Amino acid sequence: MLLIDALYINNGGGKVLLDYLVQKLVDHKLEVFYLFDERCSNDFGYIPSDRKQYLKASLSNRHTFYKNNSQKFTKVFCFGNLPPTIRLNIPVYTYLQQKLFLTIPKEFNISQRLLFRVKSLIFSKFLKNTNFLLVQSNLMKESFLKKYTFNADNVVTLPFYPNEDLINKEDQREADSYIYVSAGAPHKNHIRLLNAFCKFYDETKRGKLYITVDLGTFISLGEFIQEKINQGYPIVNLGFVKREQLIERYNKTEYLVFPSLEESFGLGIVEAIECGCKVIGANLPYMFQVCEPSVTFDPFEEKSIYLALVESIKNNVHSTQQIIKNEINQLIKLLN
């Protein structure tokens, strides 16, 4: 029996991928047991109760689970970045999605940097307990192998994402509209984007920017956003958006603008492209793993972001070319 260990996944892009993976495993009728975060206890009702367990996400709970249950499984897939706490005598695959285990942005404050240093140390301690490491891009593979000693042949690039519901409705787009789908962590670079957009609007009187920042979590950023809105800038903060609503918004928006300074994959980039958005993207390596953007900019310079927005309202902007593809079938074959 295959174990899917998703104990540390409960929201964001990781949860989107987990939902998709679980449904695909069910569709393929694989014999699977699932370890879920208790914050997902209202999800996965279609999984029989004897094939799943919800736990509070902690190292001690996870360690106890492996000590008590490891003999039940023939293969393990850790989908929360962290290999098992013990060495198992069966094939173990770990899916590394967290780029912050490899590099920590200088924009993080001291406490945030300390937190990810500790997490990185835990990751390195348990790395010997996995046979294979799966990543979402060749860039992640290269970054991982630069930092950690691991057999390169056992690091596999295998991106996957839900795309059956991603549709392109060209006739619905709002002219000069932009969207940035991301939480408000410092490396997501909202402040530079917002300042650049406001300058762009001041000079052109064109554009509307949609963002998705949780004001309850990112309070200071929320105050900054509200200040810009109060000043009359056409900025709409959608907050947390369900996937169905997000797809609808992509289909009504002309451009995805993506100024993030660090990404392991960039699920929002792929989703936006497949829904027909053009991409105005940071000229960083992660972006070119996913696509050839329509317009690029230096994400560390507000002026560069501003000039990219100006470029986007010209008539000769080319379409974005997608590079990455969904390899869910290859992943299912690997886990079978």
C-alpha atoms as a PDB file:
ATOM      1  CA  MET A   1       0.000   0.000   0.000  1.00  0.00           C
ATOM      2  CA  LEU A   2       1.187   3.521  -0.867  1.00  0.00           C
ATOM      3  CA  LEU A   3       1.326   6.149   1.887  1.00  0.00           C
ATOM      4  CA  ILE A   4       0.660   9.755   0.895  1.00  0.00           C
ATOM      5  CA  ASP A   5       2.120  11.838   3.716  1.00  0.00           C
ATOM      6  CA  ALA A   6       0.632  15.324   3.365  1.00  0.00           C
ATOM      7  CA  LEU A   7       0.719  16.297   7.031  1.00  0.00           C
ATOM      8  CA  TYR A   8       2.098  19.794   6.464  1.00  0.00           C
ATOM      9  CA  ILE A   9      -0.225  20.776   3.606  1.00  0.00           C
ATOM     10  CA  ASN A  10      -3.383  22.727   4.435  1.00  0.00           C
ATOM     11  CA  ASN A  11      -3.643  25.817   2.214  1.00  0.00           C
ATOM     12  CA  GLY A  12      -2.282  27.738  -0.756  1.00  0.00           C
ATOM     13  CA  GLY A  13      -0.829  26.235  -3.908  1.00  0.00           C
ATOM     14  CA  GLY A  14       0.254  23.104  -2.060  1.00  0.00           C
ATOM     15  CA  LYS A  15      -3.343  22.362  -1.102  1.00  0.00           C
ATOM     16  CA  VAL A  16      -4.468  22.879  -4.717  1.00  0.00           C
ATOM     17  CA  LEU A  17      -1.908  20.314  -5.841  1.00  0.00           C
ATOM     18  CA  LEU A  18      -2.813  17.910  -3.029  1.00  0.00           C
ATOM     19  CA  ASP A  19      -6.520  18.013  -3.902  1.00  0.00           C
ATOM     20  CA  TYR A  20      -5.658  17.270  -7.509  1.00  0.00           C
ATOM     21  CA  LEU A  21      -3.248  14.454  -6.662  1.00  0.00           C
ATOM     22  CA  VAL A  22      -5.694  12.718  -4.312  1.00  0.00           C
ATOM     23  CA  GLN A  23      -8.484  12.840  -6.891  1.00  0.00           C
ATOM     24  CA  LYS A  24      -6.185  11.403  -9.563  1.00  0.00           C
ATOM     25  CA  LEU A  25      -5.064   8.588  -7.280  1.00  0.00           C
ATOM     26  CA  VAL A  26      -8.707   7.760  -6.589  1.00  0.00           C
ATOM     27  CA  ASP A  27      -9.487   7.859 -10.321  1.00  0.00           C
ATOM     28  CA  HIS A  28      -6.646   5.406 -10.989  1.00  0.00           C
ATOM     29  CA  LYS A  29      -7.886   3.132  -8.164  1.00  0.00           C
ATOM     30  CA  LEU A  30      -4.517   2.907  -6.441  1.00  0.00           C
ATOM     31  CA  GLU A  31      -4.368   1.335  -2.991  1.00  0.00           C
ATOM     32  CA  VAL A  32      -3.465   4.338  -0.842  1.00  0.00           C
ATOM     33  CA  PHE A  33      -3.472   5.462   2.784  1.00  0.00           C
ATOM     34  CA  TYR A  34      -3.471   9.209   3.411  1.00  0.00           C
ATOM     35  CA  LEU A  35      -1.969  11.171   6.304  1.00  0.00           C
ATOM     36  CA  PHE A  36      -3.628  14.587   6.378  1.00  0.00           C
ATOM     37  CA  ASP A  37      -3.278  17.776   8.416  1.00  0.00           C
ATOM     38  CA  GLU A  38      -6.172  18.043  10.901  1.00  0.00           C
ATOM     39  CA  ARG A  39      -6.912  21.506   9.481  1.00  0.00           C
ATOM     40  CA  CYS A  40      -8.167  19.607   6.407  1.00  0.00           C
ATOM     41  CA  SER A  41     -10.573  17.485   8.461  1.00  0.00           C
ATOM     42  CA  ASN A  42     -13.559  18.845   6.537  1.00  0.00           C
ATOM     43  CA  ASP A  43     -11.973  17.820   3.246  1.00  0.00           C
ATOM     44  CA  PHE A  44     -11.552  14.454   1.535  1.00  0.00           C
ATOM     45  CA  GLY A  45     -14.885  13.072   2.692  1.00  0.00           C
ATOM     46  CA  TYR A  46     -14.878  10.752  -0.325  1.00  0.00           C
ATOM     47  CA  ILE A  47     -11.870   8.865   1.077  1.00  0.00           C
ATOM     48  CA  PRO A  48     -12.975   5.895   3.281  1.00  0.00           C
ATOM     49  CA  SER A  49     -12.237   6.463   6.971  1.00  0.00           C
ATOM     50  CA  ASP A  50      -9.996   3.378   7.154  1.00  0.00           C
ATOM     51  CA  ARG A  51      -7.779   4.841   4.403  1.00  0.00           C
ATOM     52  CA  LYS A  52      -6.986   8.188   6.034  1.00  0.00           C
ATOM     53  CA  GLN A  53      -5.895   9.772   9.292  1.00  0.00           C
ATOM     54  CA  TYR A  54      -5.932  13.408  10.366  1.00  0.00           C
ATOM     55  CA  LEU A  55      -3.245  14.590  12.790  1.00  0.00           C
ATOM     56  CA  LYS A  56      -2.075  17.863  14.226  1.00  0.00           C
ATOM     57  CA  ALA A  57       0.972  18.772  12.163  1.00  0.00           C
ATOM     58  CA  SER A  58       4.036  18.322  14.354  1.00  0.00           C
ATOM     59  CA  LEU A  59       7.337  16.454  14.188  1.00  0.00           C
ATOM     60  CA  SER A  60       6.469  14.342  17.239  1.00  0.00           C
ATOM     61  CA  ASN A  61       3.061  13.278  15.887  1.00  0.00           C
ATOM     62  CA  ARG A  62       4.574  12.440  12.540  1.00  0.00           C
ATOM     63  CA  HIS A  63       7.412  10.472  14.127  1.00  0.00           C
ATOM     64  CA  THR A  64       4.956   8.462  16.235  1.00  0.00           C
ATOM     65  CA  PHE A  65       2.874   7.708  13.156  1.00  0.00           C
ATOM     66  CA  TYR A  66       5.889   6.317  11.280  1.00  0.00           C
ATOM     67  CA  LYS A  67       7.058   4.266  14.253  1.00  0.00           C
ATOM     68  CA  ASN A  68       3.623   2.675  14.634  1.00  0.00           C
ATOM     69  CA  ASN A  69       2.623   2.247  10.969  1.00  0.00           C
ATOM     70  CA  SER A  70       5.677   1.977   8.731  1.00  0.00           C
ATOM     71  CA  GLN A  71       5.319  -1.802   8.300  1.00  0.00           C
ATOM     72  CA  LYS A  72       1.925  -1.323   6.626  1.00  0.00           C
ATOM     73  CA  PHE A  73       3.287   0.381   3.513  1.00  0.00           C
ATOM     74  CA  THR A  74       5.273  -0.653   0.440  1.00  0.00           C
ATOM     75  CA  LYS A  75       6.019   2.864  -0.813  1.00  0.00           C
ATOM     76  CA  VAL A  76       5.873   6.387   0.647  1.00  0.00           C
ATOM     77  CA  PHE A  77       5.299   9.736  -1.028  1.00  0.00           C
ATOM     78  CA  CYS A  78       6.003  12.711   1.261  1.00  0.00           C
ATOM     79  CA  PHE A  79       4.180  15.673  -0.177  1.00  0.00           C
ATOM     80  CA  GLY A  80       5.050  18.231   2.494  1.00  0.00           C
ATOM     81  CA  ASN A  81       8.729  18.858   1.658  1.00  0.00           C
ATOM     82  CA  LEU A  82      10.001  16.830   4.609  1.00  0.00           C
ATOM     83  CA  PRO A  83      11.241  13.205   4.341  1.00  0.00           C
ATOM     84  CA  PRO A  84      10.217  10.680   7.019  1.00  0.00           C
ATOM     85  CA  THR A  85      11.697  11.052  10.502  1.00  0.00           C
ATOM     86  CA  ILE A  86      13.086   7.498  10.308  1.00  0.00           C
ATOM     87  CA  ARG A  87      14.773   5.398   7.635  1.00  0.00           C
ATOM     88  CA  LEU A  88      12.387   2.928   5.990  1.00  0.00           C
ATOM     89  CA  ASN A  89      13.212  -0.228   4.060  1.00  0.00           C
ATOM     90  CA  ILE A  90      10.902   0.713   1.214  1.00  0.00           C
ATOM     91  CA  PRO A  91      11.101   3.278  -1.623  1.00  0.00           C
ATOM     92  CA  VAL A  92      10.513   6.803  -0.321  1.00  0.00           C
ATOM     93  CA  TYR A  93       9.793   9.784  -2.584  1.00  0.00           C
ATOM     94  CA  THR A  94       9.787  13.352  -1.275  1.00  0.00           C
ATOM     95  CA  TYR A  95       8.302  16.258  -3.206  1.00  0.00           C
ATOM     96  CA  LEU A  96      10.270  19.447  -2.511  1.00  0.00           C
ATOM     97  CA  GLN A  97       8.214  22.551  -3.249  1.00  0.00           C
ATOM     98  CA  GLN A  98       9.725  24.963  -0.716  1.00  0.00           C
ATOM     99  CA  LYS A  99      12.363  27.131  -2.400  1.00  0.00           C
ATOM    100  CA  LEU A 100      12.996  28.830   0.956  1.00  0.00           C
ATOM    101  CA  PHE A 101      14.736  25.653   2.135  1.00  0.00           C
ATOM    102  CA  LEU A 102      17.378  26.449  -0.497  1.00  0.00           C
ATOM    103  CA  THR A 103      17.642  30.253  -0.395  1.00  0.00           C
ATOM    104  CA  ILE A 104      16.169  32.775   2.038  1.00  0.00           C
ATOM    105  CA  PRO A 105      15.291  36.199   0.587  1.00  0.00           C
ATOM    106  CA  LYS A 106      17.056  39.169   2.168  1.00  0.00           C
ATOM    107  CA  GLU A 107      13.641  40.860   2.405  1.00  0.00           C
ATOM    108  CA  PHE A 108      12.756  38.545   5.299  1.00  0.00           C
ATOM    109  CA  ASN A 109      13.134  39.946   8.801  1.00  0.00           C
ATOM    110  CA  ILE A 110      15.338  38.297  11.427  1.00  0.00           C
ATOM    111  CA  SER A 111      12.607  36.071  12.871  1.00  0.00           C
ATOM    112  CA  GLN A 112      11.514  34.871   9.423  1.00  0.00           C
ATOM    113  CA  ARG A 113      15.106  34.115   8.437  1.00  0.00           C
ATOM    114  CA  LEU A 114      15.679  32.224  11.680  1.00  0.00           C
ATOM    115  CA  LEU A 115      12.489  30.203  11.165  1.00  0.00           C
ATOM    116  CA  PHE A 116      13.555  29.000   7.721  1.00  0.00           C
ATOM    117  CA  ARG A 117      17.102  28.302   8.858  1.00  0.00           C
ATOM    118  CA  VAL A 118      15.666  25.969  11.497  1.00  0.00           C
ATOM    119  CA  LYS A 119      13.342  24.358   8.956  1.00  0.00           C
ATOM    120  CA  SER A 120      16.250  23.906   6.546  1.00  0.00           C
ATOM    121  CA  LEU A 121      18.288  22.205   9.268  1.00  0.00           C
ATOM    122  CA  ILE A 122      15.429  19.799   9.972  1.00  0.00           C
ATOM    123  CA  PHE A 123      15.098  19.096   6.251  1.00  0.00           C
ATOM    124  CA  SER A 124      18.823  18.355   5.933  1.00  0.00           C
ATOM    125  CA  LYS A 125      18.717  16.072   8.991  1.00  0.00           C
ATOM    126  CA  PHE A 126      15.965  13.911   7.459  1.00  0.00           C
ATOM    127  CA  LEU A 127      17.223  14.041   3.868  1.00  0.00           C
ATOM    128  CA  LYS A 128      18.991  10.700   4.284  1.00  0.00           C
ATOM    129  CA  ASN A 129      15.576   9.086   4.861  1.00  0.00           C
ATOM    130  CA  THR A 130      14.366   9.562   1.299  1.00  0.00           C
ATOM    131  CA  ASN A 131      15.495   7.618  -1.773  1.00  0.00           C
ATOM    132  CA  PHE A 132      14.217  10.075  -4.367  1.00  0.00           C
ATOM    133  CA  LEU A 133      13.560  13.794  -4.419  1.00  0.00           C
ATOM    134  CA  LEU A 134      10.957  15.159  -6.834  1.00  0.00           C
ATOM    135  CA  VAL A 135      10.951  18.835  -7.828  1.00  0.00           C
ATOM    136  CA  GLN A 136       8.861  21.091 -10.023  1.00  0.00           C
ATOM    137  CA  SER A 137      11.576  22.533 -12.265  1.00  0.00           C
ATOM    138  CA  ASN A 138      15.160  22.007 -13.393  1.00  0.00           C
ATOM    139  CA  LEU A 139      16.013  25.243 -11.598  1.00  0.00           C
ATOM    140  CA  MET A 140      14.894  23.706  -8.303  1.00  0.00           C
ATOM    141  CA  LYS A 141      16.951  20.608  -9.066  1.00  0.00           C
ATOM    142  CA  GLU A 142      20.070  22.671  -9.750  1.00  0.00           C
ATOM    143  CA  SER A 143      19.563  24.797  -6.625  1.00  0.00           C
ATOM    144  CA  PHE A 144      19.028  21.733  -4.464  1.00  0.00           C
ATOM    145  CA  LEU A 145      22.153  19.948  -5.737  1.00  0.00           C
ATOM    146  CA  LYS A 146      24.256  23.063  -5.127  1.00  0.00           C
ATOM    147  CA  LYS A 147      23.297  23.074  -1.452  1.00  0.00           C
ATOM    148  CA  TYR A 148      22.921  19.394  -0.559  1.00  0.00           C
ATOM    149  CA  THR A 149      24.887  16.222  -1.208  1.00  0.00           C
ATOM    150  CA  PHE A 150      22.508  13.842  -2.959  1.00  0.00           C
ATOM    151  CA  ASN A 151      22.614  11.453  -5.920  1.00  0.00           C
ATOM    152  CA  ALA A 152      21.712  13.655  -8.898  1.00  0.00           C
ATOM    153  CA  ASP A 153      20.175  10.687 -10.716  1.00  0.00           C
ATOM    154  CA  ASN A 154      17.617  10.413  -7.899  1.00  0.00           C
ATOM    155  CA  VAL A 155      16.473  14.015  -8.203  1.00  0.00           C
ATOM    156  CA  VAL A 156      13.590  14.002 -10.686  1.00  0.00           C
ATOM    157  CA  THR A 157      11.891  17.016 -12.272  1.00  0.00           C
ATOM    158  CA  LEU A 158       8.195  16.180 -12.347  1.00  0.00           C
ATOM    159  CA  PRO A 159       5.813  19.172 -12.343  1.00  0.00           C
ATOM    160  CA  PHE A 160       2.085  18.618 -12.108  1.00  0.00           C
ATOM    161  CA  TYR A 161      -0.943  20.845 -11.650  1.00  0.00           C
ATOM    162  CA  PRO A 162      -4.706  20.691 -12.199  1.00  0.00           C
ATOM    163  CA  ASN A 163      -5.590  21.989 -15.643  1.00  0.00           C
ATOM    164  CA  GLU A 164      -8.773  20.217 -16.724  1.00  0.00           C
ATOM    165  CA  ASP A 165     -10.823  23.170 -15.451  1.00  0.00           C
ATOM    166  CA  LEU A 166      -8.581  25.866 -16.913  1.00  0.00           C
ATOM    167  CA  ILE A 167     -10.440  27.411 -19.845  1.00  0.00           C
ATOM    168  CA  ASN A 168      -9.789  30.390 -22.079  1.00  0.00           C
ATOM    169  CA  LYS A 169     -12.693  32.761 -22.786  1.00  0.00           C
ATOM    170  CA  GLU A 170     -11.142  35.475 -24.916  1.00  0.00           C
ATOM    171  CA  ASP A 171     -14.308  37.534 -25.323  1.00  0.00           C
ATOM    172  CA  GLN A 172     -14.620  38.401 -21.621  1.00  0.00           C
ATOM    173  CA  ARG A 173     -11.380  40.320 -21.015  1.00  0.00           C
ATOM    174  CA  GLU A 174     -11.316  43.740 -19.408  1.00  0.00           C
ATOM    175  CA  ALA A 175      -8.893  46.020 -21.277  1.00  0.00           C
ATOM    176  CA  ASP A 176      -5.782  47.176 -19.403  1.00  0.00           C
ATOM    177  CA  SER A 177      -6.489  44.839 -16.485  1.00  0.00           C
ATOM    178  CA  TYR A 178      -3.783  43.190 -14.390  1.00  0.00           C
ATOM    179  CA  ILE A 179      -3.814  40.534 -11.683  1.00  0.00           C
ATOM    180  CA  TYR A 180      -1.242  39.282  -9.199  1.00  0.00           C
ATOM    181  CA  VAL A 181      -2.330  36.152  -7.348  1.00  0.00           C
ATOM    182  CA  SER A 182      -0.135  35.750  -4.309  1.00  0.00           C
ATOM    183  CA  ALA A 183      -0.069  35.975  -0.532  1.00  0.00           C
ATOM    184  CA  GLY A 184       1.640  38.916   1.115  1.00  0.00           C
ATOM    185  CA  ALA A 185       5.006  37.541   2.241  1.00  0.00           C
ATOM    186  CA  PRO A 186       7.876  40.031   1.764  1.00  0.00           C
ATOM    187  CA  HIS A 187       9.508  38.125  -1.115  1.00  0.00           C
ATOM    188  CA  LYS A 188       6.259  38.345  -3.082  1.00  0.00           C
ATOM    189  CA  ASN A 189       7.246  41.982  -3.719  1.00  0.00           C
ATOM    190  CA  HIS A 190       3.847  43.699  -3.473  1.00  0.00           C
ATOM    191  CA  ILE A 191       5.165  47.103  -2.380  1.00  0.00           C
ATOM    192  CA  ARG A 192       7.285  47.652  -5.482  1.00  0.00           C
ATOM    193  CA  LEU A 193       4.429  46.464  -7.701  1.00  0.00           C
ATOM    194  CA  LEU A 194       1.898  48.755  -6.051  1.00  0.00           C
ATOM    195  CA  ASN A 195       4.176  51.791  -6.235  1.00  0.00           C
ATOM    196  CA  ALA A 196       4.965  51.078  -9.895  1.00  0.00           C
ATOM    197  CA  PHE A 197       1.300  50.595 -10.763  1.00  0.00           C
ATOM    198  CA  CYS A 198       0.328  53.874  -9.070  1.00  0.00           C
ATOM    199  CA  LYS A 199       2.990  55.752 -11.050  1.00  0.00           C
ATOM    200  CA  PHE A 200       1.764  54.024 -14.214  1.00  0.00           C
ATOM    201  CA  TYR A 201      -1.825  55.077 -13.486  1.00  0.00           C
ATOM    202  CA  ASP A 202      -0.794  58.659 -12.626  1.00  0.00           C
ATOM    203  CA  GLU A 203       0.843  59.060 -16.024  1.00  0.00           C
ATOM    204  CA  THR A 204      -1.519  57.083 -18.273  1.00  0.00           C
ATOM    205  CA  LYS A 205      -4.882  57.105 -16.441  1.00  0.00           C
ATOM    206  CA  ARG A 206      -5.232  53.503 -17.580  1.00  0.00           C
ATOM    207  CA  GLY A 207      -5.220  50.159 -15.830  1.00  0.00           C
ATOM    208  CA  LYS A 208      -6.868  48.235 -13.009  1.00  0.00           C
ATOM    209  CA  LEU A 209      -4.914  45.979 -10.650  1.00  0.00           C
ATOM    210  CA  TYR A 210      -6.375  42.940  -8.860  1.00  0.00           C
ATOM    211  CA  ILE A 211      -4.474  41.386  -5.947  1.00  0.00           C
ATOM    212  CA  THR A 212      -5.227  38.600  -3.448  1.00  0.00           C
ATOM    213  CA  VAL A 213      -3.741  39.578  -0.081  1.00  0.00           C
ATOM    214  CA  ASP A 214      -5.192  38.259   3.181  1.00  0.00           C
ATOM    215  CA  LEU A 215      -5.539  41.440   5.234  1.00  0.00           C
ATOM    216  CA  GLY A 216      -5.897  39.522   8.487  1.00  0.00           C
ATOM    217  CA  THR A 217      -2.492  37.915   8.061  1.00  0.00           C
ATOM    218  CA  PHE A 218      -0.485  40.683   6.394  1.00  0.00           C
ATOM    219  CA  ILE A 219      -1.642  43.687   8.391  1.00  0.00           C
ATOM    220  CA  SER A 220       0.983  46.294   7.465  1.00  0.00           C
ATOM    221  CA  LEU A 221       0.744  45.430   3.772  1.00  0.00           C
ATOM    222  CA  GLY A 222      -3.031  45.605   4.049  1.00  0.00           C
ATOM    223  CA  GLU A 223      -2.788  49.108   5.480  1.00  0.00           C
ATOM    224  CA  PHE A 224      -0.531  50.137   2.601  1.00  0.00           C
ATOM    225  CA  ILE A 225      -2.992  48.708   0.070  1.00  0.00           C
ATOM    226  CA  GLN A 226      -5.929  50.473   1.698  1.00  0.00           C
ATOM    227  CA  GLU A 227      -4.023  53.753   1.669  1.00  0.00           C
ATOM    228  CA  LYS A 228      -3.551  53.465  -2.105  1.00  0.00           C
ATOM    229  CA  ILE A 229      -7.213  52.591  -2.598  1.00  0.00           C
ATOM    230  CA  ASN A 230      -8.263  55.583  -0.473  1.00  0.00           C
ATOM    231  CA  GLN A 231      -6.129  57.786  -2.698  1.00  0.00           C
ATOM    232  CA  GLY A 232      -8.283  56.746  -5.644  1.00  0.00           C
ATOM    233  CA  TYR A 233      -6.101  54.213  -7.380  1.00  0.00           C
ATOM    234  CA  PRO A 234      -8.005  51.406  -9.198  1.00  0.00           C
ATOM    235  CA  ILE A 235      -6.688  48.586  -7.006  1.00  0.00           C
ATOM    236  CA  VAL A 236      -9.014  45.745  -6.009  1.00  0.00           C
ATOM    237  CA  ASN A 237      -7.952  43.392  -3.245  1.00  0.00           C
ATOM    238  CA  LEU A 238      -9.931  40.184  -3.685  1.00  0.00           C
ATOM    239  CA  GLY A 239      -8.496  38.566  -0.548  1.00  0.00           C
ATOM    240  CA  PHE A 240      -8.660  34.788  -0.470  1.00  0.00           C
ATOM    241  CA  VAL A 241     -10.289  33.563  -3.685  1.00  0.00           C
ATOM    242  CA  LYS A 242     -11.686  30.085  -4.300  1.00  0.00           C
ATOM    243  CA  ARG A 243     -10.296  28.321  -7.329  1.00  0.00           C
ATOM    244  CA  GLU A 244     -13.518  28.579  -9.361  1.00  0.00           C
ATOM    245  CA  GLN A 245     -13.665  32.344  -8.797  1.00  0.00           C
ATOM    246  CA  LEU A 246      -9.988  32.703  -9.570  1.00  0.00           C
ATOM    247  CA  ILE A 247     -10.345  30.971 -12.926  1.00  0.00           C
ATOM    248  CA  GLU A 248     -13.260  33.292 -13.716  1.00  0.00           C
ATOM    249  CA  ARG A 249     -11.126  36.308 -12.809  1.00  0.00           C
ATOM    250  CA  TYR A 250      -8.222  35.099 -14.979  1.00  0.00           C
ATOM    251  CA  ASN A 251     -10.646  34.897 -17.881  1.00  0.00           C
ATOM    252  CA  LYS A 252     -11.687  38.514 -17.364  1.00  0.00           C
ATOM    253  CA  THR A 253      -8.158  39.867 -17.035  1.00  0.00           C
ATOM    254  CA  GLU A 254      -5.701  40.778 -19.766  1.00  0.00           C
ATOM    255  CA  TYR A 255      -2.392  40.381 -17.931  1.00  0.00           C
ATOM    256  CA  LEU A 256      -0.858  38.456 -15.076  1.00  0.00           C
ATOM    257  CA  VAL A 257       1.875  40.590 -13.533  1.00  0.00           C
ATOM    258  CA  PHE A 258       4.275  38.530 -11.437  1.00  0.00           C
ATOM    259  CA  PRO A 259       7.036  40.352  -9.496  1.00  0.00           C
ATOM    260  CA  SER A 260       7.887  37.606  -6.953  1.00  0.00           C
ATOM    261  CA  LEU A 261      11.563  37.398  -6.011  1.00  0.00           C
ATOM    262  CA  GLU A 262      11.572  33.664  -5.189  1.00  0.00           C
ATOM    263  CA  GLU A 263       9.464  30.792  -6.571  1.00  0.00           C
ATOM    264  CA  SER A 264       9.885  27.044  -6.736  1.00  0.00           C
ATOM    265  CA  PHE A 265       7.311  26.743  -9.509  1.00  0.00           C
ATOM    266  CA  GLY A 266       4.777  29.546  -9.823  1.00  0.00           C
ATOM    267  CA  LEU A 267       1.455  27.723 -10.082  1.00  0.00           C
ATOM    268  CA  GLY A 268      -0.357  31.015 -10.647  1.00  0.00           C
ATOM    269  CA  ILE A 269       1.735  31.684 -13.752  1.00  0.00           C
ATOM    270  CA  VAL A 270       0.713  28.398 -15.375  1.00  0.00           C
ATOM    271  CA  GLU A 271      -2.951  28.821 -14.434  1.00  0.00           C
ATOM    272  CA  ALA A 272      -3.078  32.335 -15.852  1.00  0.00           C
ATOM    273  CA  ILE A 273      -1.411  31.317 -19.122  1.00  0.00           C
ATOM    274  CA  GLU A 274      -3.781  28.393 -19.672  1.00  0.00           C
ATOM    275  CA  CYS A 275      -6.686  30.769 -19.036  1.00  0.00           C
ATOM    276  CA  GLY A 276      -5.369  33.072 -21.771  1.00  0.00           C
ATOM    277  CA  CYS A 277      -3.606  35.818 -19.818  1.00  0.00           C
ATOM    278  CA  LYS A 278      -0.419  37.349 -21.107  1.00  0.00           C
ATOM    279  CA  VAL A 279       2.396  37.447 -18.552  1.00  0.00           C
ATOM    280  CA  ILE A 280       4.364  40.480 -17.446  1.00  0.00           C
ATOM    281  CA  GLY A 281       7.047  38.692 -15.484  1.00  0.00           C
ATOM    282  CA  ALA A 282      10.170  39.141 -13.399  1.00  0.00           C
ATOM    283  CA  ASN A 283      13.314  38.459 -15.407  1.00  0.00           C
ATOM    284  CA  LEU A 284      14.408  35.785 -12.959  1.00  0.00           C
ATOM    285  CA  PRO A 285      15.302  32.157 -13.768  1.00  0.00           C
ATOM    286  CA  TYR A 286      12.124  30.647 -12.257  1.00  0.00           C
ATOM    287  CA  MET A 287       9.994  32.606 -14.736  1.00  0.00           C
ATOM    288  CA  PHE A 288      11.797  31.199 -17.786  1.00  0.00           C
ATOM    289  CA  GLN A 289      11.343  27.657 -16.490  1.00  0.00           C
ATOM    290  CA  VAL A 290       7.599  28.173 -16.889  1.00  0.00           C
ATOM    291  CA  CYS A 291       7.203  30.447 -19.898  1.00  0.00           C
ATOM    292  CA  GLU A 292       8.530  33.066 -22.263  1.00  0.00           C
ATOM    293  CA  PRO A 293       6.739  36.152 -20.887  1.00  0.00           C
ATOM    294  CA  SER A 294       5.173  38.811 -23.070  1.00  0.00           C
ATOM    295  CA  VAL A 295       7.023  41.546 -21.165  1.00  0.00           C
ATOM    296  CA  THR A 296       9.785  41.276 -18.572  1.00  0.00           C
ATOM    297  CA  PHE A 297      11.156  43.582 -15.879  1.00  0.00           C
ATOM    298  CA  ASP A 298      13.730  43.779 -13.092  1.00  0.00           C
ATOM    299  CA  PRO A 299      11.662  42.984  -9.967  1.00  0.00           C
ATOM    300  CA  PHE A 300      14.126  44.843  -7.728  1.00  0.00           C
ATOM    301  CA  GLU A 301      13.461  48.153  -9.522  1.00  0.00           C
ATOM    302  CA  GLU A 302      10.110  49.960  -9.335  1.00  0.00           C
ATOM    303  CA  LYS A 303      10.985  51.924 -12.469  1.00  0.00           C
ATOM    304  CA  SER A 304      11.487  48.709 -14.424  1.00  0.00           C
ATOM    305  CA  ILE A 305       8.078  47.392 -13.327  1.00  0.00           C
ATOM    306  CA  TYR A 306       6.529  50.737 -14.275  1.00  0.00           C
ATOM    307  CA  LEU A 307       8.129  50.634 -17.741  1.00  0.00           C
ATOM    308  CA  ALA A 308       6.862  47.067 -18.256  1.00  0.00           C
ATOM    309  CA  LEU A 309       3.323  48.223 -17.488  1.00  0.00           C
ATOM    310  CA  VAL A 310       3.755  51.062 -19.997  1.00  0.00           C
ATOM    311  CA  GLU A 311       4.990  48.529 -22.565  1.00  0.00           C
ATOM    312  CA  SER A 312       1.915  46.373 -21.979  1.00  0.00           C
ATOM    313  CA  ILE A 313      -0.519  48.997 -23.274  1.00  0.00           C
ATOM    314  CA  LYS A 314       1.221  49.158 -26.635  1.00  0.00           C
ATOM    315  CA  ASN A 315      -0.279  47.234 -29.554  1.00  0.00           C
ATOM    316  CA  ASN A 316       2.653  44.970 -30.399  1.00  0.00           C
ATOM    317  CA  VAL A 317       2.912  42.883 -27.218  1.00  0.00           C
ATOM    318  CA  HIS A 318       3.318  39.221 -28.189  1.00  0.00           C
ATOM    319  CA  SER A 319       1.539  36.305 -26.579  1.00  0.00           C
ATOM    320  CA  THR A 320       3.145  34.406 -23.721  1.00  0.00           C
ATOM    321  CA  GLN A 321       4.611  31.033 -24.676  1.00  0.00           C
ATOM    322  CA  GLN A 322       4.125  28.279 -22.104  1.00  0.00           C
ATOM    323  CA  ILE A 323       7.083  25.929 -21.577  1.00  0.00           C
ATOM    324  CA  ILE A 324       6.182  23.687 -18.656  1.00  0.00           C
ATOM    325  CA  LYS A 325       3.535  20.963 -18.937  1.00  0.00           C
ATOM    326  CA  ASN A 326       1.421  18.848 -16.611  1.00  0.00           C
ATOM    327  CA  GLU A 327       3.098  15.493 -15.889  1.00  0.00           C
ATOM    328  CA  ILE A 328       0.535  14.029 -13.504  1.00  0.00           C
ATOM    329  CA  ASN A 329       0.343  10.757 -15.446  1.00  0.00           C
ATOM    330  CA  GLN A 330       4.088  10.221 -15.066  1.00  0.00           C
ATOM    331  CA  LEU A 331       3.798  10.859 -11.337  1.00  0.00           C
ATOM    332  CA  ILE A 332       0.943   8.368 -10.956  1.00  0.00           C
ATOM    333  CA  LYS A 333       2.979   5.782 -12.877  1.00  0.00           C
ATOM    334  CA  LEU A 334       5.924   6.360 -10.555  1.00  0.00           C
ATOM    335  CA  LEU A 335       3.791   5.901  -7.438  1.00  0.00           C
ATOM    336  CA  ASN A 336       1.901   2.869  -8.729  1.00  0.00           C
END
